[in-house]
Amino acid sequence: MQTVSRASVTVDDEVVGKIEDGLLVLVGVTHDDTPAKAAELARKTYELRILDNEESAADSSAPLLVVSQFTLYGDARKGRRPTWNAAAPAEVAEPLVTAYVESLRARGATVETGRFRAHMLVESINVGPRTILLEL
């Protein structure tokens, strides 16, 4: 998760998600993730005091751009080719990313998204930069 002044996701020359002054959230899903974990992570993300003046996205109504990112579970400890064995398969990951986004929206968050399984161009201009890894 990064605080950004601007972030966008483009797929096939079409901007599918865009925010200003908010959080860019890259979401990776692994094999033991559940809808309950997705909901708890959404709560934590939305309430985390990472913005200026120790405010959260909930406090400031900052928008979130959520992008699925299986490569967060890349493992390159051996050899020269990373493996993504720790990443959940798309059939498992997609509903959990959707549950995460729906949970954020249920809390009142303004949420833009990338497009699952698409080749995305993700652009961001970081503030600070402030980047945090959240895991449950």
C-alpha atoms as a PDB file:
ATOM      1  CA  MET A   1       0.000   0.000   0.000  1.00  0.00           C
ATOM      2  CA  GLN A   2       1.362   3.409  -0.970  1.00  0.00           C
ATOM      3  CA  THR A   3       0.137   6.917  -0.305  1.00  0.00           C
ATOM      4  CA  VAL A   4      -0.046   8.606  -3.685  1.00  0.00           C
ATOM      5  CA  SER A   5      -0.891  11.964  -5.136  1.00  0.00           C
ATOM      6  CA  ARG A   6      -2.007  10.259  -8.342  1.00  0.00           C
ATOM      7  CA  ALA A   7      -2.378   6.672  -9.500  1.00  0.00           C
ATOM      8  CA  SER A   8      -4.009   5.028 -12.467  1.00  0.00           C
ATOM      9  CA  VAL A   9      -4.446   1.658 -14.153  1.00  0.00           C
ATOM     10  CA  THR A  10      -4.631   1.361 -17.926  1.00  0.00           C
ATOM     11  CA  VAL A  11      -5.680  -1.746 -19.855  1.00  0.00           C
ATOM     12  CA  ASP A  12      -5.517  -1.780 -23.663  1.00  0.00           C
ATOM     13  CA  ASP A  13      -5.111   2.017 -23.814  1.00  0.00           C
ATOM     14  CA  GLU A  14      -8.209   2.539 -21.595  1.00  0.00           C
ATOM     15  CA  VAL A  15      -7.898   4.010 -18.095  1.00  0.00           C
ATOM     16  CA  VAL A  16      -9.936   1.577 -15.968  1.00  0.00           C
ATOM     17  CA  GLY A  17      -9.126   3.067 -12.549  1.00  0.00           C
ATOM     18  CA  LYS A  18      -7.761   6.408 -11.374  1.00  0.00           C
ATOM     19  CA  ILE A  19      -7.413   8.267  -8.052  1.00  0.00           C
ATOM     20  CA  GLU A  20      -5.863  11.415  -6.653  1.00  0.00           C
ATOM     21  CA  ASP A  21      -4.632  11.922  -3.073  1.00  0.00           C
ATOM     22  CA  GLY A  22      -5.332   8.434  -1.806  1.00  0.00           C
ATOM     23  CA  LEU A  23      -3.951   4.927  -1.429  1.00  0.00           C
ATOM     24  CA  LEU A  24      -2.682   2.571  -4.111  1.00  0.00           C
ATOM     25  CA  VAL A  25      -3.289  -0.924  -2.761  1.00  0.00           C
ATOM     26  CA  LEU A  26      -1.609  -3.911  -4.417  1.00  0.00           C
ATOM     27  CA  VAL A  27      -3.396  -7.073  -3.275  1.00  0.00           C
ATOM     28  CA  GLY A  28      -1.829 -10.526  -3.403  1.00  0.00           C
ATOM     29  CA  VAL A  29      -3.768 -13.637  -2.407  1.00  0.00           C
ATOM     30  CA  THR A  30      -2.209 -16.824  -1.075  1.00  0.00           C
ATOM     31  CA  HIS A  31      -3.611 -20.318  -0.471  1.00  0.00           C
ATOM     32  CA  ASP A  32      -4.844 -19.875   3.102  1.00  0.00           C
ATOM     33  CA  ASP A  33      -6.645 -16.560   2.556  1.00  0.00           C
ATOM     34  CA  THR A  34     -10.391 -16.470   3.235  1.00  0.00           C
ATOM     35  CA  PRO A  35     -13.304 -14.049   2.862  1.00  0.00           C
ATOM     36  CA  ALA A  36     -13.008 -13.299   6.595  1.00  0.00           C
ATOM     37  CA  LYS A  37      -9.328 -12.379   6.150  1.00  0.00           C
ATOM     38  CA  ALA A  38     -10.231 -10.206   3.155  1.00  0.00           C
ATOM     39  CA  ALA A  39     -12.823  -8.327   5.237  1.00  0.00           C
ATOM     40  CA  GLU A  40     -10.396  -7.843   8.137  1.00  0.00           C
ATOM     41  CA  LEU A  41      -7.665  -6.624   5.793  1.00  0.00           C
ATOM     42  CA  ALA A  42     -10.134  -4.170   4.228  1.00  0.00           C
ATOM     43  CA  ARG A  43     -10.967  -2.801   7.688  1.00  0.00           C
ATOM     44  CA  LYS A  44      -7.283  -2.496   8.565  1.00  0.00           C
ATOM     45  CA  THR A  45      -6.447  -0.836   5.235  1.00  0.00           C
ATOM     46  CA  TYR A  46      -9.250   1.693   5.510  1.00  0.00           C
ATOM     47  CA  GLU A  47      -8.513   2.585   9.151  1.00  0.00           C
ATOM     48  CA  LEU A  48      -4.691   2.591   9.007  1.00  0.00           C
ATOM     49  CA  ARG A  49      -3.340   6.024   9.972  1.00  0.00           C
ATOM     50  CA  ILE A  50      -0.835   6.389   7.139  1.00  0.00           C
ATOM     51  CA  LEU A  51      -1.933   9.732   5.661  1.00  0.00           C
ATOM     52  CA  ASP A  52      -0.897  13.245   6.668  1.00  0.00           C
ATOM     53  CA  ASN A  53      -1.745  14.301  10.242  1.00  0.00           C
ATOM     54  CA  GLU A  54      -2.003  10.621  11.203  1.00  0.00           C
ATOM     55  CA  GLU A  55      -5.312  10.303   9.381  1.00  0.00           C
ATOM     56  CA  SER A  56      -6.682   7.184   7.734  1.00  0.00           C
ATOM     57  CA  ALA A  57      -8.559   6.895   4.458  1.00  0.00           C
ATOM     58  CA  ALA A  58     -11.686   6.553   6.616  1.00  0.00           C
ATOM     59  CA  ASP A  59     -10.921   9.824   8.432  1.00  0.00           C
ATOM     60  CA  SER A  60     -10.166  11.816   5.282  1.00  0.00           C
ATOM     61  CA  SER A  61     -12.393  10.088   2.702  1.00  0.00           C
ATOM     62  CA  ALA A  62      -9.262   9.381   0.647  1.00  0.00           C
ATOM     63  CA  PRO A  63      -9.958   7.128  -2.344  1.00  0.00           C
ATOM     64  CA  LEU A  64      -8.308   3.750  -2.860  1.00  0.00           C
ATOM     65  CA  LEU A  65      -7.101   2.168  -6.087  1.00  0.00           C
ATOM     66  CA  VAL A  66      -7.032  -1.622  -5.625  1.00  0.00           C
ATOM     67  CA  VAL A  67      -4.952  -3.681  -8.050  1.00  0.00           C
ATOM     68  CA  SER A  68      -4.653  -7.475  -7.900  1.00  0.00           C
ATOM     69  CA  GLN A  69      -0.977  -8.437  -7.921  1.00  0.00           C
ATOM     70  CA  PHE A  70      -0.105 -12.155  -7.769  1.00  0.00           C
ATOM     71  CA  THR A  71       3.575 -11.309  -8.257  1.00  0.00           C
ATOM     72  CA  LEU A  72       3.708 -10.094  -4.644  1.00  0.00           C
ATOM     73  CA  TYR A  73       4.083 -13.793  -3.818  1.00  0.00           C
ATOM     74  CA  GLY A  74       7.039 -14.270  -6.158  1.00  0.00           C
ATOM     75  CA  ASP A  75       9.904 -16.256  -4.643  1.00  0.00           C
ATOM     76  CA  ALA A  76      13.341 -15.784  -6.192  1.00  0.00           C
ATOM     77  CA  ARG A  77      15.464 -17.302  -3.405  1.00  0.00           C
ATOM     78  CA  LYS A  78      16.596 -20.180  -5.637  1.00  0.00           C
ATOM     79  CA  GLY A  79      17.928 -19.923  -9.144  1.00  0.00           C
ATOM     80  CA  ARG A  80      17.305 -17.102 -11.572  1.00  0.00           C
ATOM     81  CA  ARG A  81      13.589 -17.635 -12.240  1.00  0.00           C
ATOM     82  CA  PRO A  82      11.014 -16.699  -9.631  1.00  0.00           C
ATOM     83  CA  THR A  83       8.210 -19.061  -8.754  1.00  0.00           C
ATOM     84  CA  TRP A  84       4.704 -18.021  -7.828  1.00  0.00           C
ATOM     85  CA  ASN A  85       3.709 -21.219  -6.029  1.00  0.00           C
ATOM     86  CA  ALA A  86       2.646 -19.242  -2.946  1.00  0.00           C
ATOM     87  CA  ALA A  87       0.119 -17.227  -4.981  1.00  0.00           C
ATOM     88  CA  ALA A  88      -3.408 -18.608  -5.000  1.00  0.00           C
ATOM     89  CA  PRO A  89      -4.752 -19.650  -8.404  1.00  0.00           C
ATOM     90  CA  ALA A  90      -6.917 -17.088 -10.180  1.00  0.00           C
ATOM     91  CA  GLU A  91     -10.120 -19.035  -9.470  1.00  0.00           C
ATOM     92  CA  VAL A  92      -9.437 -18.642  -5.730  1.00  0.00           C
ATOM     93  CA  ALA A  93      -7.870 -15.177  -5.812  1.00  0.00           C
ATOM     94  CA  GLU A  94     -10.423 -13.295  -7.911  1.00  0.00           C
ATOM     95  CA  PRO A  95     -13.397 -13.806  -5.543  1.00  0.00           C
ATOM     96  CA  LEU A  96     -11.218 -12.817  -2.574  1.00  0.00           C
ATOM     97  CA  VAL A  97     -10.029  -9.611  -4.245  1.00  0.00           C
ATOM     98  CA  THR A  98     -13.682  -8.882  -5.071  1.00  0.00           C
ATOM     99  CA  ALA A  99     -14.642  -9.539  -1.430  1.00  0.00           C
ATOM    100  CA  TYR A 100     -11.880  -7.176  -0.284  1.00  0.00           C
ATOM    101  CA  VAL A 101     -13.147  -4.398  -2.589  1.00  0.00           C
ATOM    102  CA  GLU A 102     -16.777  -4.983  -1.573  1.00  0.00           C
ATOM    103  CA  SER A 103     -15.806  -4.838   2.105  1.00  0.00           C
ATOM    104  CA  LEU A 104     -14.049  -1.499   1.568  1.00  0.00           C
ATOM    105  CA  ARG A 105     -17.092  -0.116  -0.235  1.00  0.00           C
ATOM    106  CA  ALA A 106     -19.402  -1.393   2.525  1.00  0.00           C
ATOM    107  CA  ARG A 107     -17.365   0.749   4.942  1.00  0.00           C
ATOM    108  CA  GLY A 108     -18.009   3.808   2.782  1.00  0.00           C
ATOM    109  CA  ALA A 109     -14.727   3.855   0.855  1.00  0.00           C
ATOM    110  CA  THR A 110     -14.432   5.244  -2.651  1.00  0.00           C
ATOM    111  CA  VAL A 111     -12.698   2.433  -4.524  1.00  0.00           C
ATOM    112  CA  GLU A 112     -11.369   2.212  -8.071  1.00  0.00           C
ATOM    113  CA  THR A 113      -9.892  -1.053  -9.356  1.00  0.00           C
ATOM    114  CA  GLY A 114      -7.677  -2.560 -11.970  1.00  0.00           C
ATOM    115  CA  ARG A 115      -8.908  -5.460 -14.082  1.00  0.00           C
ATOM    116  CA  PHE A 116      -8.294  -9.000 -12.882  1.00  0.00           C
ATOM    117  CA  ARG A 117      -6.184 -11.189 -15.227  1.00  0.00           C
ATOM    118  CA  ALA A 118      -5.427  -8.235 -17.504  1.00  0.00           C
ATOM    119  CA  HIS A 119      -2.020  -6.927 -18.501  1.00  0.00           C
ATOM    120  CA  MET A 120      -2.154  -3.612 -16.639  1.00  0.00           C
ATOM    121  CA  LEU A 121      -0.058  -0.488 -16.799  1.00  0.00           C
ATOM    122  CA  VAL A 122      -0.029   0.817 -13.224  1.00  0.00           C
ATOM    123  CA  GLU A 123       1.275   4.338 -12.751  1.00  0.00           C
ATOM    124  CA  SER A 124       1.734   6.099  -9.426  1.00  0.00           C
ATOM    125  CA  ILE A 125       3.282   9.225  -8.047  1.00  0.00           C
ATOM    126  CA  ASN A 126       4.148   8.492  -4.423  1.00  0.00           C
ATOM    127  CA  VAL A 127       3.904  10.924  -1.557  1.00  0.00           C
ATOM    128  CA  GLY A 128       6.751  10.633   0.907  1.00  0.00           C
ATOM    129  CA  PRO A 129       7.054   7.860  -0.205  1.00  0.00           C
ATOM    130  CA  ARG A 130       5.137   5.840   2.319  1.00  0.00           C
ATOM    131  CA  THR A 131       4.804   2.173   1.502  1.00  0.00           C
ATOM    132  CA  ILE A 132       3.474  -0.433   3.936  1.00  0.00           C
ATOM    133  CA  LEU A 133       3.052  -4.204   3.693  1.00  0.00           C
ATOM    134  CA  LEU A 134      -0.024  -5.537   5.503  1.00  0.00           C
ATOM    135  CA  GLU A 135      -0.552  -9.247   6.071  1.00  0.00           C
ATOM    136  CA  LEU A 136      -3.038 -11.171   8.156  1.00  0.00           C
END
